[in-house]
C-alpha atoms as a PDB file:
ATOM      1  CA  MET A   1     -21.186 -32.832  73.600  1.00  0.00           C
ATOM      2  CA  PHE A   2     -19.231 -35.924  72.583  1.00  0.00           C
ATOM      3  CA  SER A   3     -20.085 -35.440  68.888  1.00  0.00           C
ATOM      4  CA  LYS A   4     -18.821 -31.828  68.923  1.00  0.00           C
ATOM      5  CA  ILE A   5     -15.462 -32.935  70.261  1.00  0.00           C
ATOM      6  CA  MET A   6     -15.167 -35.629  67.589  1.00  0.00           C
ATOM      7  CA  VAL A   7     -16.055 -33.297  64.670  1.00  0.00           C
ATOM      8  CA  ALA A   8     -13.783 -30.385  65.569  1.00  0.00           C
ATOM      9  CA  PRO A   9     -10.457 -32.240  65.058  1.00  0.00           C
ATOM     10  CA  PHE A  10     -11.550 -33.265  61.560  1.00  0.00           C
ATOM     11  CA  LEU A  11     -12.436 -29.698  60.538  1.00  0.00           C
ATOM     12  CA  LEU A  12      -9.202 -28.138  61.755  1.00  0.00           C
ATOM     13  CA  PRO A  13      -6.900 -29.683  59.117  1.00  0.00           C
ATOM     14  CA  LEU A  14      -9.240 -28.537  56.309  1.00  0.00           C
ATOM     15  CA  ALA A  15      -9.031 -24.936  57.482  1.00  0.00           C
ATOM     16  CA  LEU A  16      -5.230 -25.052  57.591  1.00  0.00           C
ATOM     17  CA  VAL A  17      -4.791 -26.423  54.068  1.00  0.00           C
ATOM     18  CA  ALA A  18      -6.618 -23.653  52.176  1.00  0.00           C
ATOM     19  CA  ALA A  19      -4.677 -20.514  51.320  1.00  0.00           C
ATOM     20  CA  ASP A  20      -5.544 -17.100  49.879  1.00  0.00           C
ATOM     21  CA  VAL A  21      -3.791 -14.859  47.377  1.00  0.00           C
ATOM     22  CA  VAL A  22      -4.446 -11.118  47.508  1.00  0.00           C
ATOM     23  CA  VAL A  23      -3.259  -9.110  44.499  1.00  0.00           C
ATOM     24  CA  SER A  24      -2.938  -5.332  44.904  1.00  0.00           C
ATOM     25  CA  VAL A  25      -3.057  -3.759  41.455  1.00  0.00           C
ATOM     26  CA  SER A  26      -1.523  -0.279  41.218  1.00  0.00           C
ATOM     27  CA  GLY A  27      -1.226   2.106  38.304  1.00  0.00           C
ATOM     28  CA  VAL A  28      -4.917   1.930  37.367  1.00  0.00           C
ATOM     29  CA  ALA A  29      -5.191   4.967  35.073  1.00  0.00           C
ATOM     30  CA  SER A  30      -8.943   5.604  35.250  1.00  0.00           C
ATOM     31  CA  ASP A  31     -12.331   4.443  36.496  1.00  0.00           C
ATOM     32  CA  GLN A  32     -13.237   3.266  32.995  1.00  0.00           C
ATOM     33  CA  GLY A  33     -13.668  -0.466  32.348  1.00  0.00           C
ATOM     34  CA  GLU A  34     -12.681  -3.420  34.527  1.00  0.00           C
ATOM     35  CA  ILE A  35      -9.564  -4.920  36.036  1.00  0.00           C
ATOM     36  CA  GLY A  36      -9.148  -8.598  35.203  1.00  0.00           C
ATOM     37  CA  CYS A  37      -6.924 -10.774  37.396  1.00  0.00           C
ATOM     38  CA  ALA A  38      -6.112 -14.272  36.117  1.00  0.00           C
ATOM     39  CA  LEU A  39      -4.542 -16.843  38.454  1.00  0.00           C
ATOM     40  CA  PHE A  40      -2.552 -19.513  36.611  1.00  0.00           C
ATOM     41  CA  ARG A  41      -1.504 -22.832  38.128  1.00  0.00           C
ATOM     42  CA  GLU A  42       0.638 -23.766  35.108  1.00  0.00           C
ATOM     43  CA  ALA A  43       2.418 -22.145  32.163  1.00  0.00           C
ATOM     44  CA  VAL A  44      -0.232 -23.071  29.570  1.00  0.00           C
ATOM     45  CA  GLY A  45      -1.880 -19.850  28.383  1.00  0.00           C
ATOM     46  CA  PHE A  46       0.152 -17.513  30.580  1.00  0.00           C
ATOM     47  CA  PRO A  47      -0.102 -14.534  30.437  1.00  0.00           C
ATOM     48  CA  LEU A  48      -2.730 -13.635  27.796  1.00  0.00           C
ATOM     49  CA  ASP A  49      -4.985 -16.689  27.403  1.00  0.00           C
ATOM     50  CA  ALA A  50      -6.858 -16.921  30.688  1.00  0.00           C
ATOM     51  CA  THR A  51      -9.292 -19.627  29.601  1.00  0.00           C
ATOM     52  CA  ARG A  52      -7.510 -22.161  31.855  1.00  0.00           C
ATOM     53  CA  ALA A  53      -7.015 -19.714  34.731  1.00  0.00           C
ATOM     54  CA  SER A  54      -9.215 -18.660  37.628  1.00  0.00           C
ATOM     55  CA  GLN A  55     -10.444 -15.165  36.799  1.00  0.00           C
ATOM     56  CA  ILE A  56     -11.717 -12.289  38.907  1.00  0.00           C
ATOM     57  CA  TRP A  57     -13.124  -9.087  37.415  1.00  0.00           C
ATOM     58  CA  VAL A  58     -13.507  -5.916  39.475  1.00  0.00           C
ATOM     59  CA  LYS A  59     -14.663  -2.433  38.544  1.00  0.00           C
ATOM     60  CA  ALA A  60     -11.736  -0.190  37.656  1.00  0.00           C
ATOM     61  CA  LYS A  61     -10.936   2.524  40.160  1.00  0.00           C
ATOM     62  CA  ALA A  62      -8.206   5.076  39.436  1.00  0.00           C
ATOM     63  CA  GLY A  63      -5.174   4.330  41.582  1.00  0.00           C
ATOM     64  CA  GLU A  64      -5.381   0.847  43.076  1.00  0.00           C
ATOM     65  CA  VAL A  65      -7.751  -2.121  43.222  1.00  0.00           C
ATOM     66  CA  GLU A  66      -7.536  -5.554  44.828  1.00  0.00           C
ATOM     67  CA  CYS A  67      -8.298  -9.081  43.632  1.00  0.00           C
ATOM     68  CA  ARG A  68      -8.633 -11.934  46.149  1.00  0.00           C
ATOM     69  CA  PHE A  69      -8.401 -15.620  45.283  1.00  0.00           C
ATOM     70  CA  ALA A  70      -9.591 -17.782  48.185  1.00  0.00           C
ATOM     71  CA  GLN A  71      -9.424 -21.442  49.205  1.00  0.00           C
ATOM     72  CA  LEU A  72      -6.350 -22.320  47.121  1.00  0.00           C
ATOM     73  CA  SER A  73      -4.265 -25.456  47.355  1.00  0.00           C
ATOM     74  CA  PRO A  74      -0.576 -25.080  48.144  1.00  0.00           C
ATOM     75  CA  GLY A  75       1.685 -24.846  45.093  1.00  0.00           C
ATOM     76  CA  ALA A  76       3.160 -22.507  42.489  1.00  0.00           C
ATOM     77  CA  TYR A  77       1.019 -19.800  40.880  1.00  0.00           C
ATOM     78  CA  ALA A  78       1.378 -16.728  38.659  1.00  0.00           C
ATOM     79  CA  VAL A  79      -1.071 -13.880  38.066  1.00  0.00           C
ATOM     80  CA  SER A  80      -1.596 -11.710  35.000  1.00  0.00           C
ATOM     81  CA  VAL A  81      -3.636  -8.507  35.177  1.00  0.00           C
ATOM     82  CA  VAL A  82      -5.227  -6.317  32.487  1.00  0.00           C
ATOM     83  CA  HIS A  83      -7.088  -3.003  32.605  1.00  0.00           C
ATOM     84  CA  ASP A  84      -9.892  -3.929  30.209  1.00  0.00           C
ATOM     85  CA  MET A  85     -11.016  -0.505  29.033  1.00  0.00           C
ATOM     86  CA  ASN A  86     -13.743  -1.739  26.655  1.00  0.00           C
ATOM     87  CA  LYS A  87     -15.140  -4.472  28.978  1.00  0.00           C
ATOM     88  CA  ASN A  88     -14.772  -7.315  26.478  1.00  0.00           C
ATOM     89  CA  ARG A  89     -13.013  -9.363  29.185  1.00  0.00           C
ATOM     90  CA  LYS A  90      -9.909 -10.116  27.150  1.00  0.00           C
ATOM     91  CA  THR A  91      -6.562  -8.484  26.542  1.00  0.00           C
ATOM     92  CA  ASP A  92      -6.766  -6.615  23.248  1.00  0.00           C
ATOM     93  CA  THR A  93      -3.561  -6.877  21.265  1.00  0.00           C
ATOM     94  CA  GLY A  94      -2.098  -5.035  18.320  1.00  0.00           C
ATOM     95  CA  PHE A  95       1.063  -5.287  16.283  1.00  0.00           C
ATOM     96  CA  MET A  96       2.955  -8.528  16.962  1.00  0.00           C
ATOM     97  CA  GLY A  97       0.567  -9.481  19.788  1.00  0.00           C
ATOM     98  CA  ARG A  98       1.575  -6.559  21.983  1.00  0.00           C
ATOM     99  CA  PRO A  99      -1.220  -5.596  24.440  1.00  0.00           C
ATOM    100  CA  LYS A 100      -3.105  -2.367  23.670  1.00  0.00           C
ATOM    101  CA  GLU A 101      -4.389  -2.120  27.240  1.00  0.00           C
ATOM    102  CA  ASN A 102      -2.321  -1.652  30.393  1.00  0.00           C
ATOM    103  CA  TRP A 103      -1.172  -4.950  31.855  1.00  0.00           C
ATOM    104  CA  GLY A 104       1.115  -6.503  34.460  1.00  0.00           C
ATOM    105  CA  VAL A 105       2.139  -9.810  36.019  1.00  0.00           C
ATOM    106  CA  THR A 106       3.326 -10.942  39.432  1.00  0.00           C
ATOM    107  CA  ASN A 107       6.947 -10.145  40.267  1.00  0.00           C
ATOM    108  CA  ASN A 108       6.417  -7.160  37.915  1.00  0.00           C
ATOM    109  CA  VAL A 109       8.344  -8.859  35.106  1.00  0.00           C
ATOM    110  CA  ARG A 110       8.360  -6.689  31.937  1.00  0.00           C
ATOM    111  CA  PRO A 111      10.626  -8.074  29.196  1.00  0.00           C
ATOM    112  CA  LYS A 112      11.133  -5.626  26.321  1.00  0.00           C
ATOM    113  CA  LEU A 113      10.732  -7.879  23.281  1.00  0.00           C
ATOM    114  CA  ARG A 114       8.569 -10.770  24.495  1.00  0.00           C
ATOM    115  CA  ALA A 115       5.815 -11.694  26.889  1.00  0.00           C
ATOM    116  CA  PRO A 116       6.791 -12.654  30.434  1.00  0.00           C
ATOM    117  CA  ASN A 117       6.758 -16.379  31.131  1.00  0.00           C
ATOM    118  CA  PHE A 118       5.215 -18.344  33.987  1.00  0.00           C
ATOM    119  CA  GLU A 119       8.553 -19.133  35.661  1.00  0.00           C
ATOM    120  CA  GLU A 120       9.462 -15.440  35.874  1.00  0.00           C
ATOM    121  CA  ALA A 121       6.117 -14.506  37.421  1.00  0.00           C
ATOM    122  CA  ARG A 122       5.589 -17.521  39.688  1.00  0.00           C
ATOM    123  CA  PHE A 123       5.335 -17.428  43.464  1.00  0.00           C
ATOM    124  CA  ALA A 124       4.754 -20.063  46.126  1.00  0.00           C
ATOM    125  CA  VAL A 125       1.627 -20.572  48.192  1.00  0.00           C
ATOM    126  CA  ARG A 126       1.908 -22.621  51.376  1.00  0.00           C
ATOM    127  CA  GLU A 127      -0.787 -24.195  53.525  1.00  0.00           C
ATOM    128  CA  GLY A 128      -2.977 -21.819  55.479  1.00  0.00           C
ATOM    129  CA  GLU A 129      -1.226 -18.603  54.498  1.00  0.00           C
ATOM    130  CA  THR A 130      -2.395 -15.420  52.844  1.00  0.00           C
ATOM    131  CA  VAL A 131       0.049 -14.407  50.127  1.00  0.00           C
ATOM    132  CA  ARG A 132       0.128 -10.743  49.112  1.00  0.00           C
ATOM    133  CA  GLN A 133       1.388  -9.780  45.666  1.00  0.00           C
ATOM    134  CA  GLU A 134       1.687  -6.325  44.099  1.00  0.00           C
ATOM    135  CA  VAL A 135       1.255  -5.850  40.357  1.00  0.00           C
ATOM    136  CA  LYS A 136       2.005  -2.528  38.665  1.00  0.00           C
ATOM    137  CA  LEU A 137       0.100  -1.862  35.452  1.00  0.00           C
ATOM    138  CA  GLY A 138       1.793  -0.287  32.449  1.00  0.00           C
ATOM    139  CA  GLN A 139       2.168  -0.523  28.688  1.00  0.00           C
END
């Protein structure tokens, strides 16, 4: 019994530090393809180059899907989302780098003549909390 009492106080702080981010993605046009959610901890690569981001891929479902990132450290994050119609797990782009597939970012930032930047899409994650973000897909 003594050992159980000694272990429990050490485990409690670990549980409080980790946080989750749940991203509700709306505007999914069809069941075709996958929805890719990329969680960025810094501006490098945001929003289209997810090689340095944590990625989650879920089957597309017309209407809304959800991506969950678990066990995160506190800090600033931003999420970019793409409806990958052809399942190549990247954002296909066309003229001047403009995405061909529906996309969105946290805070639903949609500049007209440029890509959104990390600072515009960033949000804070604090110890032990579950942060909910909504991203609306569009062209």
